[in-house]
Amino acid sequence: MLRKLMPALLLAAIAIAPAAQAQKLRELASVAGVRDNQLIGYGLVVGLDGSGDQTTQTPFTVQSVINMLNNLGVQVPTGGNLQLKNVAAVTVTANLPAFARPGQPLDVTVSSIGNAKSLRGGTLVLTPLKGADGQVYGMAQGNIIIPGAGAAAAGSSVTINSLAAGRIPNGATVERAVPNAMNNSEFVQLELLQTDFTTASRMVEAINRNLGPVAAALDGRVVQVRAPQDANQRVTFLSRLENIDVNAAPVVAKVIINARTGSVVMNQSVEIDPCAISHGNLTVTITTDNQVVQPNPLAGGRTRTVANADIQIQSDSGGVVRLPKAANLRDVVRALNAVGATPQDLLAILQAMKAAGSLKAELEVI
C-alpha cells in the first residue's frame, strides 16, 4: 500500500532545502563562457587477446589499420585479406575543462564501435581528439582499464559489467587552449541555472549590497556585473561574487509522475485543500477451460476441442475518504495514505485532485 511510499517522500522532503534558506551564488548561477567542451576521436585499440573486431563484419577496422600502417611507412599489399583478431575500432571521448592549457592531462573514455568482445588488456594507439569546430584539442594514448570481467567455455559465457568500454586516467594531453573572452569584456554575465525573475532580482540586490552598484538584471536568466579589467583583480572579484549569499525564490510546488514506472515524487511546497475521494478497484478475471468432446462410436462425428470461457468481474467497494487541508509534505503524505490506493492508482487520484482544484501544485508527467 501507500505506506511504503511515505518514507521515500519524506526523504525527498529532507533532501530539499527550505525555501527561505540562503544559498551561495555559485549554486544558483554560472559565469557565462566558463564551461566544459566535449571532445571526440576515432582510434584503434591493439594488443587484444583474440577478442577484437571480426574484420569480415567490420571492414572499417581493416581500413583503419591499413591507413595507420601506411602513415608509419609500412606498405600493405592491396587486396590483401587481413584477418585481425587483436584490433578493435573505438571512439574516444573526453571533457575539456574551462581554462585548460596545453600540456594538462585529461581522462578519456574508450568505447568499442565494432563487434569486439572485450577491450581488456588493450592499448589505445595515438588518437587526435577534436572539438565541435573540427580542430584538434588533445591527443590520447595509453592502456585501458576495464571494470568488468567475463569468461566463456563450451558455448556458455558469463559477463560482469561491460567489457566493451573503459577509461584511461590521464590518458590524453591538451594540445590547444579554448579561447575565452571572459577577460576581454567590461562586464561578466551570470546565467541562472533556472529562469526565475524573483531569484534574478534578489541576486542583483545581494550583489549590489556586498560589492556596490555593479549588477543589473538583463532578464529572468542573465545578471550582468561590472568587473575589474585586471585579470588578477577579476579573479579575486569573482571569488567574492560566487560566495555571496542569495535568498532564492521559494521552490515552485510540483508533483512529478512517471507513468511508465508508477513513481510519484513531490517537493515540500505541495499543498492540498480539503476534498473528498472515493476509490475502488475493479478486477476482471478471464479463465478458459478446454474440454475434449468425443462423439458416439456410430455417430460418424469427429473429435473436437471446446474452449469454455469463464469471465468474472469483482468490484471492491471503496468508501469516501475526506482529506483535510495539508500545508506541508508530511501532512500531504499522511492524507494520501488514508486513501489506501496503490502507487499506480495514485497517478489517477492526483490528476483528478488537480482537475478539481484541490492539489496546489504543478503536475508534470514524464
Protein backbone atom coordinates (compact mmCIF):
# COMPACT_ATOMS: atom_id res chain seq x y z
CA MET A 1 0.00 0.00 0.00
CA LEU A 2 0.99 3.64 0.12
CA ARG A 3 2.71 3.18 3.45
CA LYS A 4 5.80 2.21 1.50
CA LEU A 5 5.56 5.49 -0.38
CA MET A 6 5.65 7.69 2.72
CA PRO A 7 9.32 7.12 3.74
CA ALA A 8 10.55 7.82 0.24
CA LEU A 9 8.57 11.05 0.01
CA LEU A 10 9.75 12.15 3.44
CA LEU A 11 13.36 11.55 2.42
CA ALA A 12 12.73 13.68 -0.65
CA ALA A 13 11.41 16.45 1.60
CA ILE A 14 14.50 16.32 3.80
CA ALA A 15 16.79 16.47 0.75
CA ILE A 16 15.16 19.68 -0.48
CA ALA A 17 16.45 22.85 1.18
CA PRO A 18 13.88 25.09 2.85
CA ALA A 19 12.63 27.89 0.65
CA ALA A 20 13.87 30.64 2.99
CA GLN A 21 17.41 29.29 3.36
CA ALA A 22 20.13 31.36 1.72
CA GLN A 23 22.25 29.75 -0.98
CA LYS A 24 25.66 30.62 -2.35
CA LEU A 25 25.53 32.46 -5.65
CA ARG A 26 27.60 29.74 -7.32
CA GLU A 27 24.81 27.27 -6.52
CA LEU A 28 22.27 29.36 -8.41
CA ALA A 29 24.20 30.64 -11.43
CA SER A 30 27.25 30.07 -13.58
CA VAL A 31 29.61 32.51 -15.26
CA ALA A 32 28.96 32.81 -19.00
CA GLY A 33 31.78 31.30 -21.02
CA VAL A 34 33.14 29.19 -18.15
CA ARG A 35 32.13 25.73 -19.35
CA ASP A 36 33.42 22.35 -20.41
CA ASN A 37 33.82 21.39 -24.06
CA GLN A 38 33.29 17.87 -25.37
CA LEU A 39 36.00 16.19 -27.44
CA ILE A 40 35.73 13.09 -29.60
CA GLY A 41 38.11 10.99 -31.65
CA TYR A 42 38.29 7.75 -33.61
CA GLY A 43 41.10 5.33 -32.96
CA LEU A 44 42.32 1.76 -32.69
CA VAL A 45 42.89 -0.46 -29.68
CA VAL A 46 45.61 -3.06 -30.21
CA GLY A 47 47.02 -5.90 -28.14
CA LEU A 48 43.73 -7.71 -27.53
CA ASP A 49 43.86 -11.43 -26.84
CA GLY A 50 41.74 -12.54 -29.79
CA SER A 51 38.74 -10.54 -28.59
CA GLY A 52 38.90 -7.79 -31.21
CA ASP A 53 36.60 -6.97 -34.11
CA GLN A 54 35.59 -9.64 -36.59
CA THR A 55 37.05 -7.96 -39.63
CA THR A 56 34.67 -9.67 -42.06
CA GLN A 57 31.82 -7.75 -40.44
CA THR A 58 33.69 -4.53 -39.64
CA PRO A 59 35.63 -3.54 -42.77
CA PHE A 60 36.37 -0.07 -41.36
CA THR A 61 38.69 -1.68 -38.81
CA VAL A 62 40.83 -3.18 -41.59
CA GLN A 63 40.79 0.11 -43.48
CA SER A 64 41.92 1.98 -40.36
CA VAL A 65 44.78 -0.45 -39.75
CA ILE A 66 45.96 -0.09 -43.36
CA ASN A 67 45.85 3.72 -43.12
CA MET A 68 47.78 3.64 -39.84
CA LEU A 69 50.47 1.35 -41.27
CA ASN A 70 50.79 3.49 -44.40
CA ASN A 71 51.30 6.59 -42.22
CA LEU A 72 54.05 4.72 -40.39
CA GLY A 73 55.78 3.84 -43.66
CA VAL A 74 54.59 0.24 -43.91
CA GLN A 75 53.16 -0.62 -47.31
CA VAL A 76 50.32 -3.15 -47.15
CA PRO A 77 49.60 -5.11 -50.37
CA THR A 78 46.33 -4.02 -51.93
CA GLY A 79 43.63 -6.65 -51.99
CA GLY A 80 45.18 -8.49 -49.07
CA ASN A 81 42.68 -10.29 -46.86
CA LEU A 82 43.74 -9.19 -43.39
CA GLN A 83 42.34 -11.26 -40.53
CA LEU A 84 42.81 -9.12 -37.45
CA LYS A 85 41.66 -10.51 -34.12
CA ASN A 86 43.67 -8.34 -31.77
CA VAL A 87 42.46 -4.93 -33.03
CA ALA A 88 39.23 -3.04 -32.31
CA ALA A 89 37.88 0.25 -33.65
CA VAL A 90 36.83 2.62 -30.88
CA THR A 91 35.57 6.10 -30.18
CA VAL A 92 37.45 8.18 -27.63
CA THR A 93 35.63 10.89 -25.69
CA ALA A 94 36.78 13.45 -23.13
CA ASN A 95 35.71 16.71 -21.50
CA LEU A 96 37.97 19.72 -21.91
CA PRO A 97 37.50 21.89 -18.79
CA ALA A 98 37.44 25.65 -18.88
CA PHE A 99 40.82 27.43 -18.92
CA ALA A 100 42.69 24.19 -19.74
CA ARG A 101 46.19 24.84 -21.02
CA PRO A 102 48.42 22.79 -23.35
CA GLY A 103 50.19 20.01 -21.52
CA GLN A 104 47.49 19.35 -18.94
CA PRO A 105 46.22 15.73 -18.68
CA LEU A 106 42.66 14.61 -19.31
CA ASP A 107 40.77 11.42 -18.50
CA VAL A 108 39.33 9.70 -21.58
CA THR A 109 36.64 7.08 -22.15
CA VAL A 110 37.21 4.42 -24.81
CA SER A 111 34.19 2.62 -26.30
CA SER A 112 34.04 -0.07 -28.96
CA ILE A 113 32.03 0.70 -32.09
CA GLY A 114 32.51 -2.68 -33.76
CA ASN A 115 31.78 -6.20 -32.53
CA ALA A 116 34.78 -6.66 -30.26
CA LYS A 117 34.03 -8.99 -27.36
CA SER A 118 36.35 -7.26 -24.91
CA LEU A 119 38.84 -4.40 -24.70
CA ARG A 120 40.60 -5.87 -21.67
CA GLY A 121 44.37 -5.70 -21.98
CA GLY A 122 44.25 -3.39 -24.97
CA THR A 123 46.27 -0.28 -25.69
CA LEU A 124 44.85 2.78 -27.40
CA VAL A 125 47.02 3.97 -30.28
CA LEU A 126 47.71 7.70 -30.57
CA THR A 127 44.35 9.32 -31.32
CA PRO A 128 43.58 13.00 -32.01
CA LEU A 129 40.64 14.47 -30.09
CA LYS A 130 38.61 17.09 -31.93
CA GLY A 131 36.04 19.64 -30.82
CA ALA A 132 32.80 20.70 -32.47
CA ASP A 133 34.76 23.08 -34.72
CA GLY A 134 36.89 20.24 -36.14
CA GLN A 135 40.11 21.47 -34.51
CA VAL A 136 42.38 19.09 -32.59
CA TYR A 137 42.48 19.99 -28.90
CA GLY A 138 44.10 16.88 -27.45
CA MET A 139 45.95 13.63 -28.14
CA ALA A 140 45.07 10.37 -26.39
CA GLN A 141 47.04 7.17 -25.90
CA GLY A 142 47.51 4.57 -23.18
CA ASN A 143 46.42 1.32 -21.58
CA ILE A 144 42.70 0.85 -20.98
CA ILE A 145 41.23 -0.01 -17.59
CA ILE A 146 38.18 -2.27 -17.93
CA PRO A 147 35.96 -2.55 -14.83
CA GLY A 148 34.18 -5.71 -15.98
CA ALA A 149 35.09 -9.37 -16.16
CA GLY A 150 33.99 -12.29 -18.30
CA ALA A 151 34.62 -15.92 -19.12
CA ALA A 152 33.43 -18.28 -21.85
CA ALA A 153 33.71 -22.03 -22.41
CA ALA A 154 31.79 -24.71 -24.33
CA GLY A 155 29.31 -22.22 -25.73
CA SER A 156 28.47 -20.69 -22.34
CA SER A 157 29.62 -17.29 -21.14
CA VAL A 158 29.39 -15.13 -18.05
CA THR A 159 29.91 -11.35 -18.14
CA ILE A 160 30.06 -8.90 -15.25
CA ASN A 161 29.62 -5.25 -16.22
CA SER A 162 30.63 -4.10 -19.69
CA LEU A 163 33.81 -5.26 -21.38
CA ALA A 164 33.37 -3.07 -24.45
CA ALA A 165 34.17 0.26 -22.75
CA GLY A 166 36.79 1.51 -20.32
CA ARG A 167 38.74 4.54 -19.19
CA ILE A 168 42.33 5.78 -19.37
CA PRO A 169 43.13 8.05 -16.40
CA ASN A 170 45.24 10.98 -17.62
CA GLY A 171 45.19 9.29 -20.99
CA ALA A 172 45.10 12.49 -23.06
CA THR A 173 47.14 15.67 -23.20
CA VAL A 174 45.72 19.08 -24.05
CA GLU A 175 47.31 20.43 -27.22
CA ARG A 176 45.28 23.60 -27.75
CA ALA A 177 43.55 26.02 -25.36
CA VAL A 178 39.98 27.11 -25.99
CA PRO A 179 39.77 30.91 -26.44
CA ASN A 180 37.82 32.55 -23.63
CA ALA A 181 36.56 36.10 -23.95
CA MET A 182 35.60 36.47 -20.30
CA ASN A 183 38.57 38.74 -19.53
CA ASN A 184 38.12 40.87 -22.65
CA SER A 185 34.83 42.47 -21.67
CA GLU A 186 33.95 45.11 -19.12
CA PHE A 187 31.08 43.01 -17.83
CA VAL A 188 30.69 39.45 -16.59
CA GLN A 189 27.37 37.74 -17.17
CA LEU A 190 25.87 35.37 -14.61
CA GLU A 191 23.47 32.82 -16.07
CA LEU A 192 20.89 31.40 -13.67
CA LEU A 193 20.54 27.63 -13.74
CA GLN A 194 16.75 28.11 -13.88
CA THR A 195 14.89 31.11 -15.24
CA ASP A 196 13.29 32.99 -12.35
CA PHE A 197 12.67 36.73 -12.18
CA THR A 198 12.43 36.74 -8.39
CA THR A 199 15.76 35.00 -7.96
CA ALA A 200 17.39 37.29 -10.53
CA SER A 201 16.07 40.38 -8.70
CA ARG A 202 17.23 39.10 -5.31
CA MET A 203 20.63 38.22 -6.77
CA VAL A 204 21.09 41.78 -8.03
CA GLU A 205 20.15 43.16 -4.60
CA ALA A 206 22.61 40.85 -2.82
CA ILE A 207 25.48 41.69 -5.21
CA ASN A 208 24.94 45.44 -5.00
CA ARG A 209 24.64 45.25 -1.22
CA ASN A 210 28.02 43.48 -0.89
CA LEU A 211 30.05 44.89 -3.80
CA GLY A 212 28.42 48.21 -4.62
CA PRO A 213 26.18 49.17 -7.58
CA VAL A 214 27.78 46.86 -10.13
CA ALA A 215 24.97 44.44 -11.06
CA ALA A 216 21.85 44.69 -13.21
CA ALA A 217 19.38 42.05 -14.39
CA LEU A 218 19.01 41.76 -18.16
CA ASP A 219 16.10 39.32 -17.91
CA GLY A 220 14.96 36.41 -15.77
CA ARG A 221 18.00 34.39 -16.75
CA VAL A 222 21.01 36.72 -17.02
CA VAL A 223 22.51 39.14 -14.49
CA GLN A 224 25.22 41.47 -15.77
CA VAL A 225 28.01 42.51 -13.38
CA ARG A 226 30.72 45.14 -13.98
CA ALA A 227 34.09 43.57 -13.11
CA PRO A 228 37.67 44.89 -12.89
CA GLN A 229 39.72 44.77 -16.08
CA ASP A 230 42.91 43.49 -14.44
CA ALA A 231 42.97 39.67 -14.64
CA ASN A 232 44.18 39.14 -11.06
CA GLN A 233 41.66 41.58 -9.63
CA ARG A 234 38.90 40.00 -11.71
CA VAL A 235 39.65 36.54 -10.28
CA THR A 236 39.51 37.92 -6.74
CA PHE A 237 36.31 39.79 -7.58
CA LEU A 238 34.64 36.64 -8.96
CA SER A 239 35.73 34.69 -5.89
CA ARG A 240 33.93 37.17 -3.66
CA LEU A 241 30.99 37.23 -6.06
CA GLU A 242 30.33 33.49 -6.12
CA ASN A 243 30.34 33.29 -2.30
CA ILE A 244 27.61 35.89 -1.78
CA ASP A 245 24.52 34.54 -0.01
CA VAL A 246 21.31 34.89 -2.02
CA ASN A 247 17.79 34.19 -0.77
CA ALA A 248 16.45 32.36 -3.79
CA ALA A 249 12.79 32.34 -4.71
CA PRO A 250 10.64 29.71 -2.97
CA VAL A 251 10.54 26.35 -4.69
CA VAL A 252 7.61 26.00 -7.06
CA ALA A 253 5.19 23.34 -5.87
CA LYS A 254 5.46 20.45 -8.28
CA VAL A 255 4.45 16.79 -8.50
CA ILE A 256 6.38 14.61 -10.94
CA ILE A 257 4.62 11.47 -12.20
CA ASN A 258 6.40 8.74 -14.13
CA ALA A 259 3.60 6.97 -15.96
CA ARG A 260 5.87 4.09 -17.03
CA THR A 261 7.11 3.08 -13.58
CA GLY A 262 4.32 4.44 -11.40
CA SER A 263 6.74 6.65 -9.45
CA VAL A 264 5.42 9.79 -7.78
CA VAL A 265 7.77 12.47 -6.42
CA MET A 266 6.67 15.76 -4.89
CA ASN A 267 8.56 18.60 -3.23
CA GLN A 268 7.89 20.21 0.13
CA SER A 269 5.91 23.12 -1.34
CA VAL A 270 2.97 20.90 -2.34
CA GLU A 271 -0.30 21.71 -0.57
CA ILE A 272 -3.82 20.30 -0.79
CA ASP A 273 -7.18 21.84 0.00
CA PRO A 274 -9.98 19.90 1.70
CA CYS A 275 -11.57 17.36 -0.65
CA ALA A 276 -13.36 14.00 -0.64
CA ILE A 277 -12.10 10.96 -2.54
CA SER A 278 -13.89 7.71 -3.32
CA HIS A 279 -11.61 4.95 -4.52
CA GLY A 280 -12.43 1.39 -5.54
CA ASN A 281 -10.80 -1.41 -7.50
CA LEU A 282 -12.31 -3.20 -10.48
CA THR A 283 -10.88 -6.65 -11.25
CA VAL A 284 -11.72 -8.63 -14.40
CA THR A 285 -10.69 -12.32 -14.43
CA ILE A 286 -10.95 -14.47 -17.56
CA THR A 287 -10.25 -18.21 -17.39
CA THR A 288 -10.51 -20.78 -20.16
CA ASP A 289 -11.43 -24.44 -19.56
CA ASN A 290 -10.51 -26.55 -22.62
CA GLN A 291 -12.53 -29.78 -22.95
CA VAL A 292 -12.48 -32.60 -25.48
CA VAL A 293 -15.84 -33.68 -26.98
CA GLN A 294 -15.90 -37.31 -28.11
CA PRO A 295 -18.87 -38.42 -30.36
CA ASN A 296 -20.61 -41.78 -30.01
CA PRO A 297 -18.92 -44.72 -31.78
CA LEU A 298 -21.58 -44.99 -34.53
CA ALA A 299 -22.44 -41.32 -34.82
CA GLY A 300 -19.88 -40.66 -37.54
CA GLY A 301 -18.72 -37.47 -35.84
CA ARG A 302 -15.23 -36.20 -35.22
CA THR A 303 -13.40 -35.46 -32.00
CA ARG A 304 -13.29 -31.74 -31.27
CA THR A 305 -11.88 -29.39 -28.65
CA VAL A 306 -14.26 -26.95 -26.99
CA ALA A 307 -12.99 -23.87 -25.11
CA ASN A 308 -15.28 -22.70 -22.31
CA ALA A 309 -14.50 -19.18 -21.15
CA ASP A 310 -15.37 -18.05 -17.63
CA ILE A 311 -15.45 -14.29 -17.07
CA GLN A 312 -15.74 -12.86 -13.56
CA ILE A 313 -15.89 -9.20 -12.57
CA GLN A 314 -15.11 -8.23 -8.99
CA SER A 315 -15.69 -4.68 -7.80
CA ASP A 316 -14.23 -3.80 -4.41
CA SER A 317 -16.24 -1.27 -2.53
CA GLY A 318 -14.43 1.96 -1.80
CA GLY A 319 -15.64 4.36 0.85
CA VAL A 320 -15.49 8.11 0.64
CA VAL A 321 -12.38 9.48 2.33
CA ARG A 322 -12.25 13.12 3.36
CA LEU A 323 -8.82 14.71 3.04
CA PRO A 324 -8.23 17.74 5.28
CA LYS A 325 -6.19 20.75 4.30
CA ALA A 326 -2.47 19.91 4.34
CA ALA A 327 0.19 22.60 4.25
CA ASN A 328 3.39 20.52 4.41
CA LEU A 329 4.70 17.38 2.80
CA ARG A 330 4.26 15.23 5.91
CA ASP A 331 0.56 16.07 6.09
CA VAL A 332 0.12 15.56 2.34
CA VAL A 333 1.65 12.08 2.51
CA ARG A 334 -0.42 11.17 5.56
CA ALA A 335 -3.59 12.32 3.80
CA LEU A 336 -2.82 10.37 0.63
CA ASN A 337 -2.02 7.25 2.66
CA ALA A 338 -5.52 7.47 4.13
CA VAL A 339 -6.99 6.77 0.70
CA GLY A 340 -5.46 3.27 0.71
CA ALA A 341 -4.59 3.26 -3.01
CA THR A 342 -1.62 1.64 -4.67
CA PRO A 343 1.09 3.87 -6.19
CA GLN A 344 -0.30 3.12 -9.66
CA ASP A 345 -3.77 4.24 -8.57
CA LEU A 346 -2.26 7.36 -7.05
CA LEU A 347 -1.45 8.63 -10.54
CA ALA A 348 -5.14 8.89 -11.42
CA ILE A 349 -6.07 10.27 -7.99
CA LEU A 350 -3.54 13.11 -8.21
CA GLN A 351 -4.70 14.02 -11.72
CA ALA A 352 -8.30 14.11 -10.52
CA MET A 353 -7.33 16.24 -7.49
CA LYS A 354 -5.55 18.66 -9.82
CA ALA A 355 -8.60 18.88 -12.09
CA ALA A 356 -10.82 19.53 -9.06
CA GLY A 357 -8.54 22.32 -7.89
CA SER A 358 -7.63 20.75 -4.54
CA LEU A 359 -3.99 19.98 -5.46
CA LYS A 360 -1.98 23.19 -5.22
CA ALA A 361 0.96 22.18 -7.38
CA GLU A 362 2.11 21.80 -10.95
CA LEU A 363 1.51 18.30 -12.27
CA GLU A 364 4.22 17.05 -14.67
CA VAL A 365 4.02 13.64 -16.35
CA ILE A 366 7.30 12.23 -17.66
